[in-house]
């Protein structure tokens, strides 16, 4: 997010859905590569797809270990006092994350 010019994302964008399929085991300390892509930018939610790749090691070739999707929602207010509510993404963030902005950064 920071690389796209979206500062302050994590405190106001909790994950609300996670789905993952596991294809092979990982071991503690094993090197992995994570690939995350924005799939859909909604009014107040974002859907991401991801893949986790196990790198070569312990006599095994590189291979996909897991894949899935997760959804985050933009919130304003506080969970502590019950005022947290879904709100639209800030216009600047929407512009920064639009497909045209992503293509320009490639």
N, C-alpha and C. Protein backbone atom coordinates (compact mmCIF):
# COMPACT_ATOMS: atom_id res chain seq x y z
N UNK A 1 0.82 -1.20 0.00
CA UNK A 1 0.00 0.00 0.00
C UNK A 1 0.87 1.26 0.00
N UNK A 2 1.89 1.25 0.85
CA UNK A 2 2.76 2.43 0.88
C UNK A 2 3.39 2.70 -0.48
N UNK A 3 3.76 1.64 -1.19
CA UNK A 3 4.35 1.77 -2.51
C UNK A 3 3.40 2.39 -3.53
N UNK A 4 2.11 2.31 -3.26
CA UNK A 4 1.10 2.91 -4.14
C UNK A 4 0.71 4.31 -3.68
N UNK A 5 1.31 4.78 -2.57
CA UNK A 5 0.97 6.10 -2.06
C UNK A 5 -0.23 6.10 -1.13
N UNK A 6 -0.57 4.94 -0.59
CA UNK A 6 -1.70 4.82 0.34
C UNK A 6 -1.13 4.66 1.74
N UNK A 7 -1.02 5.76 2.47
CA UNK A 7 -0.52 5.74 3.83
C UNK A 7 -1.67 5.63 4.81
N UNK A 8 -1.47 4.88 5.89
CA UNK A 8 -2.48 4.76 6.93
C UNK A 8 -3.53 3.71 6.65
N UNK A 9 -3.30 2.82 5.71
CA UNK A 9 -4.29 1.80 5.32
C UNK A 9 -4.58 0.80 6.44
N UNK A 10 -3.53 0.24 7.04
CA UNK A 10 -3.73 -0.90 7.93
C UNK A 10 -4.59 -0.62 9.16
N UNK A 11 -4.50 0.51 9.82
CA UNK A 11 -5.36 0.71 10.99
C UNK A 11 -6.85 0.86 10.67
N UNK A 12 -7.19 1.17 9.43
CA UNK A 12 -8.60 1.45 9.09
C UNK A 12 -9.17 0.47 8.08
N UNK A 13 -8.49 -0.65 7.84
CA UNK A 13 -8.96 -1.60 6.82
C UNK A 13 -8.85 -3.04 7.33
N UNK A 14 -9.68 -3.42 8.28
CA UNK A 14 -9.60 -4.80 8.80
C UNK A 14 -10.04 -5.82 7.75
N UNK A 15 -9.46 -7.01 7.86
CA UNK A 15 -9.91 -8.12 7.02
C UNK A 15 -11.25 -8.59 7.55
N UNK A 16 -12.19 -8.83 6.65
CA UNK A 16 -13.51 -9.30 7.05
C UNK A 16 -13.84 -10.67 6.47
N UNK A 17 -13.02 -11.12 5.53
CA UNK A 17 -13.23 -12.44 4.93
C UNK A 17 -11.88 -12.96 4.46
N UNK A 18 -11.64 -14.25 4.67
CA UNK A 18 -10.41 -14.89 4.22
C UNK A 18 -10.76 -16.28 3.75
N UNK A 19 -10.27 -16.63 2.56
CA UNK A 19 -10.46 -17.97 2.03
C UNK A 19 -9.11 -18.42 1.49
N UNK A 20 -8.69 -19.62 1.88
CA UNK A 20 -7.38 -20.11 1.45
C UNK A 20 -7.45 -21.60 1.17
N UNK A 21 -6.79 -22.00 0.11
CA UNK A 21 -6.62 -23.41 -0.24
C UNK A 21 -5.14 -23.74 -0.11
N UNK A 22 -4.85 -24.80 0.61
CA UNK A 22 -3.47 -25.23 0.82
C UNK A 22 -3.16 -26.37 -0.14
N UNK A 23 -1.99 -26.27 -0.79
CA UNK A 23 -1.62 -27.29 -1.77
C UNK A 23 -0.41 -28.12 -1.36
N UNK A 24 0.44 -27.57 -0.51
CA UNK A 24 1.60 -28.32 -0.04
C UNK A 24 2.06 -27.74 1.28
N UNK A 25 2.71 -28.54 2.11
CA UNK A 25 3.12 -28.05 3.42
C UNK A 25 4.32 -27.10 3.33
N UNK A 26 4.40 -26.23 4.30
CA UNK A 26 5.56 -25.36 4.49
C UNK A 26 6.20 -25.76 5.81
N UNK A 27 7.49 -25.51 5.94
CA UNK A 27 8.18 -25.81 7.19
C UNK A 27 8.65 -24.51 7.81
N UNK A 28 8.78 -24.52 9.13
CA UNK A 28 9.24 -23.35 9.85
C UNK A 28 10.60 -22.93 9.32
N UNK A 29 10.73 -21.64 8.99
CA UNK A 29 11.98 -21.11 8.49
C UNK A 29 12.16 -21.25 6.98
N UNK A 30 11.24 -21.93 6.31
CA UNK A 30 11.36 -22.10 4.86
C UNK A 30 11.13 -20.76 4.16
N UNK A 31 11.91 -20.50 3.14
CA UNK A 31 11.74 -19.27 2.37
C UNK A 31 10.51 -19.40 1.47
N UNK A 32 9.70 -18.34 1.46
CA UNK A 32 8.50 -18.31 0.62
C UNK A 32 8.45 -16.98 -0.12
N UNK A 33 7.67 -16.96 -1.16
CA UNK A 33 7.37 -15.74 -1.89
C UNK A 33 5.86 -15.56 -1.86
N UNK A 34 5.41 -14.36 -1.48
CA UNK A 34 3.98 -14.05 -1.47
C UNK A 34 3.68 -13.08 -2.60
N UNK A 35 2.65 -13.39 -3.36
CA UNK A 35 2.19 -12.52 -4.44
C UNK A 35 0.77 -12.09 -4.09
N UNK A 36 0.55 -10.77 -3.99
CA UNK A 36 -0.76 -10.23 -3.63
C UNK A 36 -1.18 -9.24 -4.70
N UNK A 37 -2.41 -9.38 -5.20
CA UNK A 37 -2.92 -8.48 -6.23
C UNK A 37 -4.32 -8.00 -5.86
N UNK A 38 -4.56 -6.73 -6.12
CA UNK A 38 -5.90 -6.17 -5.92
C UNK A 38 -6.79 -6.69 -7.04
N UNK A 39 -7.84 -7.39 -6.67
CA UNK A 39 -8.76 -7.97 -7.64
C UNK A 39 -9.96 -7.07 -7.91
N UNK A 40 -10.48 -6.45 -6.85
CA UNK A 40 -11.67 -5.61 -6.98
C UNK A 40 -11.61 -4.48 -5.98
N UNK A 41 -11.88 -3.27 -6.45
CA UNK A 41 -11.95 -2.09 -5.59
C UNK A 41 -13.39 -1.63 -5.57
N UNK A 42 -14.07 -1.86 -4.46
CA UNK A 42 -15.47 -1.45 -4.31
C UNK A 42 -15.57 -0.09 -3.64
N UNK A 43 -16.76 0.30 -3.30
CA UNK A 43 -16.99 1.58 -2.65
C UNK A 43 -16.31 1.65 -1.29
N UNK A 44 -16.49 0.59 -0.49
CA UNK A 44 -15.88 0.57 0.85
C UNK A 44 -15.12 -0.72 1.13
N UNK A 45 -15.01 -1.61 0.14
CA UNK A 45 -14.28 -2.86 0.34
C UNK A 45 -13.28 -3.06 -0.79
N UNK A 46 -12.30 -3.91 -0.53
CA UNK A 46 -11.33 -4.34 -1.53
C UNK A 46 -11.19 -5.84 -1.42
N UNK A 47 -11.10 -6.49 -2.57
CA UNK A 47 -10.85 -7.93 -2.62
C UNK A 47 -9.47 -8.14 -3.22
N UNK A 48 -8.67 -8.93 -2.54
CA UNK A 48 -7.32 -9.25 -2.99
C UNK A 48 -7.23 -10.75 -3.25
N UNK A 49 -6.42 -11.12 -4.21
CA UNK A 49 -6.08 -12.54 -4.41
C UNK A 49 -4.60 -12.69 -4.08
N UNK A 50 -4.23 -13.86 -3.63
CA UNK A 50 -2.84 -14.08 -3.26
C UNK A 50 -2.40 -15.50 -3.57
N UNK A 51 -1.09 -15.66 -3.70
CA UNK A 51 -0.46 -16.96 -3.83
C UNK A 51 0.76 -16.96 -2.92
N UNK A 52 1.01 -18.09 -2.29
CA UNK A 52 2.20 -18.29 -1.49
C UNK A 52 3.00 -19.41 -2.16
N UNK A 53 4.24 -19.08 -2.52
CA UNK A 53 5.10 -20.04 -3.22
C UNK A 53 6.21 -20.51 -2.29
N UNK A 54 6.35 -21.81 -2.16
CA UNK A 54 7.45 -22.41 -1.41
C UNK A 54 8.68 -22.40 -2.31
N UNK A 55 9.73 -21.80 -1.83
CA UNK A 55 10.96 -21.77 -2.63
C UNK A 55 11.70 -23.10 -2.49
N UNK A 56 12.61 -23.35 -3.40
CA UNK A 56 13.39 -24.58 -3.41
C UNK A 56 14.10 -24.75 -2.07
N UNK A 57 14.04 -25.95 -1.53
CA UNK A 57 14.71 -26.23 -0.27
C UNK A 57 14.35 -27.60 0.25
N UNK A 58 15.20 -28.13 1.08
CA UNK A 58 14.99 -29.45 1.70
C UNK A 58 14.72 -30.51 0.64
N UNK A 59 15.40 -30.37 -0.52
CA UNK A 59 15.26 -31.37 -1.56
C UNK A 59 13.98 -31.29 -2.37
N UNK A 60 13.21 -30.21 -2.17
CA UNK A 60 11.95 -30.07 -2.92
C UNK A 60 12.04 -28.89 -3.86
N UNK A 61 11.44 -29.00 -5.05
CA UNK A 61 11.47 -27.89 -6.00
C UNK A 61 10.50 -26.79 -5.57
N UNK A 62 10.65 -25.63 -6.18
CA UNK A 62 9.73 -24.52 -5.94
C UNK A 62 8.32 -24.94 -6.35
N UNK A 63 7.32 -24.53 -5.57
CA UNK A 63 5.94 -24.87 -5.91
C UNK A 63 4.96 -24.04 -5.12
N UNK A 64 3.77 -23.92 -5.65
CA UNK A 64 2.74 -23.14 -4.96
C UNK A 64 2.25 -23.90 -3.74
N UNK A 65 2.28 -23.24 -2.60
CA UNK A 65 1.86 -23.86 -1.35
C UNK A 65 0.43 -23.51 -0.98
N UNK A 66 -0.02 -22.32 -1.37
CA UNK A 66 -1.38 -21.90 -1.01
C UNK A 66 -1.82 -20.77 -1.93
N UNK A 67 -3.14 -20.62 -2.05
CA UNK A 67 -3.71 -19.51 -2.80
C UNK A 67 -5.07 -19.17 -2.20
N UNK A 68 -5.54 -17.98 -2.47
CA UNK A 68 -6.85 -17.61 -1.95
C UNK A 68 -7.19 -16.17 -2.19
N UNK A 69 -8.17 -15.70 -1.42
CA UNK A 69 -8.66 -14.33 -1.52
C UNK A 69 -8.95 -13.82 -0.10
N UNK A 70 -8.88 -12.50 0.04
CA UNK A 70 -9.35 -11.89 1.28
C UNK A 70 -9.97 -10.54 0.95
N UNK A 71 -10.85 -10.11 1.84
CA UNK A 71 -11.58 -8.86 1.67
C UNK A 71 -11.29 -7.97 2.87
N UNK A 72 -11.02 -6.69 2.60
CA UNK A 72 -10.89 -5.70 3.65
C UNK A 72 -11.99 -4.65 3.46
N UNK A 73 -12.33 -3.97 4.55
CA UNK A 73 -13.36 -2.93 4.51
C UNK A 73 -12.82 -1.69 5.19
N UNK A 74 -13.07 -0.53 4.59
CA UNK A 74 -12.64 0.73 5.18
C UNK A 74 -13.60 1.10 6.31
N UNK A 75 -13.05 1.39 7.48
CA UNK A 75 -13.89 1.76 8.62
C UNK A 75 -13.45 3.10 9.20
N UNK A 76 -14.41 3.80 9.73
CA UNK A 76 -14.18 5.03 10.50
C UNK A 76 -14.83 4.82 11.86
N UNK A 77 -14.36 5.51 12.85
CA UNK A 77 -14.88 5.35 14.21
C UNK A 77 -14.02 4.39 15.00
N UNK A 78 -14.53 3.97 16.13
CA UNK A 78 -13.76 3.15 17.05
C UNK A 78 -14.51 1.87 17.40
N UNK A 79 -13.78 0.75 17.38
CA UNK A 79 -14.38 -0.50 17.84
C UNK A 79 -14.57 -0.47 19.35
N UNK A 80 -13.72 0.25 20.05
CA UNK A 80 -13.77 0.31 21.51
C UNK A 80 -15.09 0.89 22.02
N UNK A 81 -15.58 1.93 21.33
CA UNK A 81 -16.83 2.54 21.80
C UNK A 81 -18.03 2.20 20.92
N UNK A 82 -17.85 1.28 19.96
CA UNK A 82 -18.97 0.82 19.14
C UNK A 82 -19.35 1.74 17.99
N UNK A 83 -18.51 2.74 17.68
CA UNK A 83 -18.85 3.67 16.61
C UNK A 83 -18.24 3.30 15.26
N UNK A 84 -17.50 2.20 15.18
CA UNK A 84 -16.86 1.79 13.92
C UNK A 84 -17.93 1.45 12.88
N UNK A 85 -17.80 2.05 11.71
CA UNK A 85 -18.74 1.83 10.61
C UNK A 85 -17.99 1.78 9.28
N UNK A 86 -18.52 1.01 8.37
CA UNK A 86 -17.97 0.96 7.02
C UNK A 86 -18.20 2.31 6.34
N UNK A 87 -17.15 2.82 5.70
CA UNK A 87 -17.23 4.10 4.99
C UNK A 87 -16.50 3.98 3.66
N UNK A 88 -16.83 4.82 2.68
CA UNK A 88 -16.14 4.76 1.38
C UNK A 88 -14.65 5.02 1.52
N UNK A 89 -13.89 4.41 0.60
CA UNK A 89 -12.46 4.66 0.56
C UNK A 89 -12.20 6.12 0.22
N UNK A 90 -11.17 6.72 0.78
CA UNK A 90 -10.83 8.10 0.42
C UNK A 90 -10.55 8.21 -1.09
N UNK A 91 -10.97 9.31 -1.69
CA UNK A 91 -10.79 9.51 -3.13
C UNK A 91 -9.33 9.36 -3.55
N UNK A 92 -8.40 9.88 -2.77
CA UNK A 92 -6.99 9.77 -3.10
C UNK A 92 -6.52 8.32 -3.16
N UNK A 93 -7.02 7.50 -2.26
CA UNK A 93 -6.66 6.08 -2.27
C UNK A 93 -7.24 5.40 -3.50
N UNK A 94 -8.49 5.73 -3.83
CA UNK A 94 -9.13 5.13 -5.01
C UNK A 94 -8.33 5.46 -6.26
N UNK A 95 -7.90 6.73 -6.36
CA UNK A 95 -7.10 7.12 -7.53
C UNK A 95 -5.76 6.37 -7.56
N UNK A 96 -5.12 6.27 -6.41
CA UNK A 96 -3.81 5.60 -6.32
C UNK A 96 -3.90 4.13 -6.67
N UNK A 97 -5.02 3.50 -6.37
CA UNK A 97 -5.18 2.05 -6.58
C UNK A 97 -5.94 1.69 -7.86
N UNK A 98 -6.32 2.68 -8.63
CA UNK A 98 -7.07 2.42 -9.87
C UNK A 98 -6.19 1.67 -10.86
N UNK A 99 -6.79 0.93 -11.78
CA UNK A 99 -6.00 0.20 -12.78
C UNK A 99 -5.05 1.10 -13.57
N UNK A 100 -5.43 2.32 -13.89
CA UNK A 100 -4.56 3.22 -14.64
C UNK A 100 -3.31 3.57 -13.82
N UNK A 101 -3.49 3.78 -12.51
CA UNK A 101 -2.34 4.10 -11.66
C UNK A 101 -1.42 2.89 -11.55
N UNK A 102 -2.00 1.69 -11.45
CA UNK A 102 -1.19 0.48 -11.36
C UNK A 102 -0.39 0.26 -12.63
N UNK A 103 -0.99 0.51 -13.79
CA UNK A 103 -0.30 0.33 -15.07
C UNK A 103 0.86 1.32 -15.20
N UNK A 104 0.69 2.53 -14.69
CA UNK A 104 1.73 3.55 -14.77
C UNK A 104 2.95 3.19 -13.92
N UNK A 105 2.75 2.41 -12.84
CA UNK A 105 3.86 2.06 -11.96
C UNK A 105 4.62 0.84 -12.45
N UNK A 106 4.14 0.13 -13.46
CA UNK A 106 4.84 -1.05 -13.99
C UNK A 106 6.07 -0.70 -14.77
